[in-house]
Amino acid sequence: PEEGTSSLADLPLSHTRPVAQFGQWTWTAPAEGQFVVADLAGRVLSNEQAVKDQRLEWEAQGMHVASFVSNDGRRASWTLGAH
């Protein structure tokens, strides 16, 4: 997978990168906030309000852009490609 940028410097590193396994991506929210997954054409595939430590999952097909904005304004995004 390709790694994008992350600006959630205050959050534990274990929470900052989605992981692909068994045909799906998983990510654990480090704080409360909004998590969005879109394809490269900009179509939103998933848009969820996450709570701290919530595990989010989505299918690993094609290229995706995942982004997270915490309720206190911290942001992170990743460009993800399935193997």
N, C-alpha and C. Protein backbone atom coordinates (compact mmCIF):
# COMPACT_ATOMS: atom_id res chain seq x y z
N PRO A 1 0.83 -1.21 0.00
CA PRO A 1 0.00 0.00 0.00
C PRO A 1 0.85 1.25 0.00
N GLU A 2 0.31 2.28 -0.57
CA GLU A 2 1.00 3.55 -0.58
C GLU A 2 0.62 4.33 0.66
N GLU A 3 1.60 5.01 1.23
CA GLU A 3 1.32 5.79 2.43
C GLU A 3 1.18 7.25 2.06
N GLY A 4 0.20 7.91 2.64
CA GLY A 4 -0.01 9.33 2.40
C GLY A 4 0.59 10.14 3.53
N THR A 5 -0.04 11.23 3.81
CA THR A 5 0.46 12.11 4.87
C THR A 5 -0.37 11.93 6.12
N SER A 6 0.24 12.26 7.23
CA SER A 6 -0.47 12.21 8.50
C SER A 6 -0.05 13.40 9.33
N SER A 7 -1.00 14.11 9.90
CA SER A 7 -0.67 15.24 10.76
C SER A 7 -1.24 15.06 12.16
N LEU A 8 -1.54 13.83 12.52
CA LEU A 8 -2.05 13.56 13.86
C LEU A 8 -0.88 13.23 14.77
N ALA A 9 0.07 14.15 14.85
CA ALA A 9 1.33 13.91 15.55
C ALA A 9 1.14 13.54 17.01
N ASP A 10 0.09 14.00 17.65
CA ASP A 10 -0.11 13.73 19.06
C ASP A 10 -0.73 12.36 19.34
N LEU A 11 -1.12 11.66 18.29
CA LEU A 11 -1.78 10.38 18.47
C LEU A 11 -0.77 9.25 18.38
N PRO A 12 -1.02 8.12 19.04
CA PRO A 12 -0.10 6.99 18.98
C PRO A 12 0.11 6.52 17.54
N LEU A 13 1.35 6.19 17.20
CA LEU A 13 1.67 5.77 15.84
C LEU A 13 0.88 4.53 15.43
N SER A 14 0.55 3.67 16.36
CA SER A 14 -0.19 2.46 16.02
C SER A 14 -1.58 2.77 15.45
N HIS A 15 -2.06 3.97 15.65
CA HIS A 15 -3.39 4.35 15.16
C HIS A 15 -3.34 5.13 13.85
N THR A 16 -2.17 5.45 13.35
CA THR A 16 -2.11 6.41 12.26
C THR A 16 -2.15 5.81 10.87
N ARG A 17 -2.13 4.50 10.71
CA ARG A 17 -2.10 3.93 9.38
C ARG A 17 -3.05 2.74 9.26
N PRO A 18 -3.96 2.80 8.25
CA PRO A 18 -4.81 1.64 8.00
C PRO A 18 -3.96 0.44 7.56
N VAL A 19 -4.47 -0.76 7.83
CA VAL A 19 -3.76 -1.99 7.51
C VAL A 19 -4.65 -2.85 6.62
N ALA A 20 -4.07 -3.40 5.54
CA ALA A 20 -4.81 -4.30 4.66
C ALA A 20 -4.50 -5.74 5.04
N GLN A 21 -5.58 -6.52 5.19
CA GLN A 21 -5.42 -7.93 5.53
C GLN A 21 -6.67 -8.68 5.09
N PHE A 22 -6.48 -9.82 4.45
CA PHE A 22 -7.59 -10.69 4.04
C PHE A 22 -8.63 -9.96 3.20
N GLY A 23 -8.17 -9.10 2.29
CA GLY A 23 -9.08 -8.43 1.37
C GLY A 23 -9.84 -7.25 1.93
N GLN A 24 -9.42 -6.77 3.10
CA GLN A 24 -10.09 -5.59 3.62
C GLN A 24 -9.12 -4.74 4.44
N TRP A 25 -9.41 -3.45 4.45
CA TRP A 25 -8.65 -2.50 5.26
C TRP A 25 -9.28 -2.40 6.63
N THR A 26 -8.45 -2.21 7.64
CA THR A 26 -8.94 -1.94 8.98
C THR A 26 -8.16 -0.76 9.55
N TRP A 27 -8.82 -0.01 10.40
CA TRP A 27 -8.20 1.15 11.05
C TRP A 27 -8.93 1.40 12.35
N THR A 28 -8.19 1.77 13.37
CA THR A 28 -8.78 2.06 14.67
C THR A 28 -8.69 3.55 14.94
N ALA A 29 -9.81 4.16 15.21
CA ALA A 29 -9.88 5.60 15.45
C ALA A 29 -9.13 5.97 16.74
N PRO A 30 -8.19 6.91 16.67
CA PRO A 30 -7.45 7.32 17.85
C PRO A 30 -8.20 8.33 18.72
N ALA A 31 -9.30 8.87 18.19
CA ALA A 31 -10.10 9.88 18.89
C ALA A 31 -11.47 9.91 18.23
N GLU A 32 -12.40 10.67 18.80
CA GLU A 32 -13.69 10.85 18.15
C GLU A 32 -13.52 11.75 16.94
N GLY A 33 -14.23 11.44 15.86
CA GLY A 33 -14.14 12.27 14.67
C GLY A 33 -14.82 11.64 13.48
N GLN A 34 -14.62 12.25 12.33
CA GLN A 34 -15.26 11.82 11.08
C GLN A 34 -14.24 11.09 10.22
N PHE A 35 -14.59 9.88 9.76
CA PHE A 35 -13.72 9.07 8.91
C PHE A 35 -14.41 8.86 7.58
N VAL A 36 -13.71 9.19 6.48
CA VAL A 36 -14.28 9.11 5.14
C VAL A 36 -13.33 8.30 4.25
N VAL A 37 -13.91 7.39 3.47
CA VAL A 37 -13.17 6.65 2.45
C VAL A 37 -13.81 6.98 1.11
N ALA A 38 -12.97 7.37 0.13
CA ALA A 38 -13.45 7.71 -1.20
C ALA A 38 -12.58 7.02 -2.24
N ASP A 39 -13.15 6.80 -3.44
CA ASP A 39 -12.32 6.29 -4.52
C ASP A 39 -11.61 7.48 -5.18
N LEU A 40 -10.76 7.19 -6.15
CA LEU A 40 -9.97 8.27 -6.76
C LEU A 40 -10.81 9.21 -7.61
N ALA A 41 -12.03 8.82 -7.96
CA ALA A 41 -12.93 9.69 -8.69
C ALA A 41 -13.69 10.62 -7.74
N GLY A 42 -13.48 10.44 -6.43
CA GLY A 42 -14.14 11.29 -5.45
C GLY A 42 -15.45 10.75 -4.91
N ARG A 43 -15.86 9.56 -5.36
CA ARG A 43 -17.10 8.97 -4.85
C ARG A 43 -16.87 8.48 -3.42
N VAL A 44 -17.72 8.89 -2.51
CA VAL A 44 -17.60 8.50 -1.11
C VAL A 44 -18.10 7.07 -0.96
N LEU A 45 -17.24 6.20 -0.46
CA LEU A 45 -17.58 4.80 -0.24
C LEU A 45 -18.04 4.55 1.18
N SER A 46 -17.53 5.35 2.11
CA SER A 46 -17.88 5.22 3.52
C SER A 46 -17.69 6.57 4.19
N ASN A 47 -18.63 6.92 5.05
CA ASN A 47 -18.56 8.18 5.78
C ASN A 47 -19.13 7.89 7.17
N GLU A 48 -18.25 7.81 8.17
CA GLU A 48 -18.69 7.39 9.49
C GLU A 48 -18.20 8.34 10.58
N GLN A 49 -19.07 8.57 11.54
CA GLN A 49 -18.67 9.27 12.76
C GLN A 49 -18.08 8.20 13.67
N ALA A 50 -16.82 8.32 14.02
CA ALA A 50 -16.14 7.30 14.81
C ALA A 50 -15.95 7.78 16.25
N VAL A 51 -15.93 6.82 17.16
CA VAL A 51 -15.61 7.09 18.55
C VAL A 51 -14.20 6.56 18.82
N LYS A 52 -13.58 7.04 19.86
CA LYS A 52 -12.22 6.63 20.19
C LYS A 52 -12.15 5.10 20.31
N ASP A 53 -11.13 4.54 19.70
CA ASP A 53 -10.83 3.10 19.69
C ASP A 53 -11.82 2.26 18.88
N GLN A 54 -12.68 2.89 18.09
CA GLN A 54 -13.59 2.14 17.23
C GLN A 54 -12.81 1.58 16.04
N ARG A 55 -13.02 0.31 15.74
CA ARG A 55 -12.37 -0.33 14.60
C ARG A 55 -13.27 -0.17 13.39
N LEU A 56 -12.71 0.38 12.31
CA LEU A 56 -13.45 0.59 11.07
C LEU A 56 -12.88 -0.34 10.02
N GLU A 57 -13.74 -0.89 9.17
CA GLU A 57 -13.32 -1.82 8.13
C GLU A 57 -13.99 -1.46 6.81
N TRP A 58 -13.27 -1.70 5.70
CA TRP A 58 -13.83 -1.51 4.38
C TRP A 58 -13.07 -2.39 3.41
N GLU A 59 -13.71 -2.71 2.30
CA GLU A 59 -13.18 -3.62 1.31
C GLU A 59 -11.94 -3.02 0.63
N ALA A 60 -10.93 -3.86 0.42
CA ALA A 60 -9.67 -3.41 -0.19
C ALA A 60 -9.67 -3.75 -1.67
N GLN A 61 -10.37 -2.96 -2.45
CA GLN A 61 -10.36 -3.12 -3.90
C GLN A 61 -10.02 -1.79 -4.53
N GLY A 62 -9.03 -1.78 -5.42
CA GLY A 62 -8.64 -0.57 -6.11
C GLY A 62 -7.94 0.42 -5.19
N MET A 63 -7.87 1.65 -5.64
CA MET A 63 -7.22 2.72 -4.88
C MET A 63 -8.27 3.50 -4.11
N HIS A 64 -7.93 3.87 -2.89
CA HIS A 64 -8.82 4.65 -2.03
C HIS A 64 -8.05 5.79 -1.39
N VAL A 65 -8.78 6.80 -1.02
CA VAL A 65 -8.25 7.85 -0.17
C VAL A 65 -9.06 7.80 1.12
N ALA A 66 -8.38 7.61 2.24
CA ALA A 66 -9.04 7.58 3.54
C ALA A 66 -8.61 8.83 4.29
N SER A 67 -9.55 9.46 4.96
CA SER A 67 -9.20 10.65 5.73
C SER A 67 -9.98 10.67 7.04
N PHE A 68 -9.36 11.30 8.02
CA PHE A 68 -9.94 11.39 9.35
C PHE A 68 -9.75 12.80 9.87
N VAL A 69 -10.81 13.37 10.44
CA VAL A 69 -10.75 14.67 11.11
C VAL A 69 -11.31 14.46 12.50
N SER A 70 -10.46 14.67 13.50
CA SER A 70 -10.93 14.50 14.88
C SER A 70 -11.83 15.66 15.27
N ASN A 71 -12.62 15.47 16.29
CA ASN A 71 -13.53 16.53 16.74
C ASN A 71 -12.79 17.78 17.19
N ASP A 72 -11.51 17.64 17.56
CA ASP A 72 -10.74 18.82 17.95
C ASP A 72 -9.90 19.38 16.80
N GLY A 73 -10.15 18.90 15.56
CA GLY A 73 -9.56 19.51 14.37
C GLY A 73 -8.27 18.89 13.84
N ARG A 74 -7.76 17.84 14.47
CA ARG A 74 -6.57 17.19 13.92
C ARG A 74 -6.98 16.37 12.69
N ARG A 75 -6.08 16.31 11.71
CA ARG A 75 -6.41 15.67 10.43
C ARG A 75 -5.33 14.69 10.02
N ALA A 76 -5.75 13.66 9.29
CA ALA A 76 -4.83 12.71 8.67
C ALA A 76 -5.49 12.17 7.41
N SER A 77 -4.67 11.84 6.41
CA SER A 77 -5.20 11.19 5.20
C SER A 77 -4.16 10.25 4.64
N TRP A 78 -4.66 9.24 3.94
CA TRP A 78 -3.81 8.22 3.37
C TRP A 78 -4.34 7.85 1.99
N THR A 79 -3.42 7.60 1.03
CA THR A 79 -3.77 7.03 -0.25
C THR A 79 -3.44 5.55 -0.14
N LEU A 80 -4.43 4.70 -0.38
CA LEU A 80 -4.29 3.27 -0.14
C LEU A 80 -4.55 2.49 -1.41
N GLY A 81 -3.70 1.54 -1.70
CA GLY A 81 -3.89 0.67 -2.86
C GLY A 81 -3.91 -0.78 -2.46
N ALA A 82 -4.88 -1.52 -2.95
CA ALA A 82 -4.97 -2.95 -2.65
C ALA A 82 -3.91 -3.69 -3.44
N HIS A 83 -3.43 -4.78 -2.88
CA HIS A 83 -2.42 -5.61 -3.56
C HIS A 83 -3.09 -6.51 -4.56
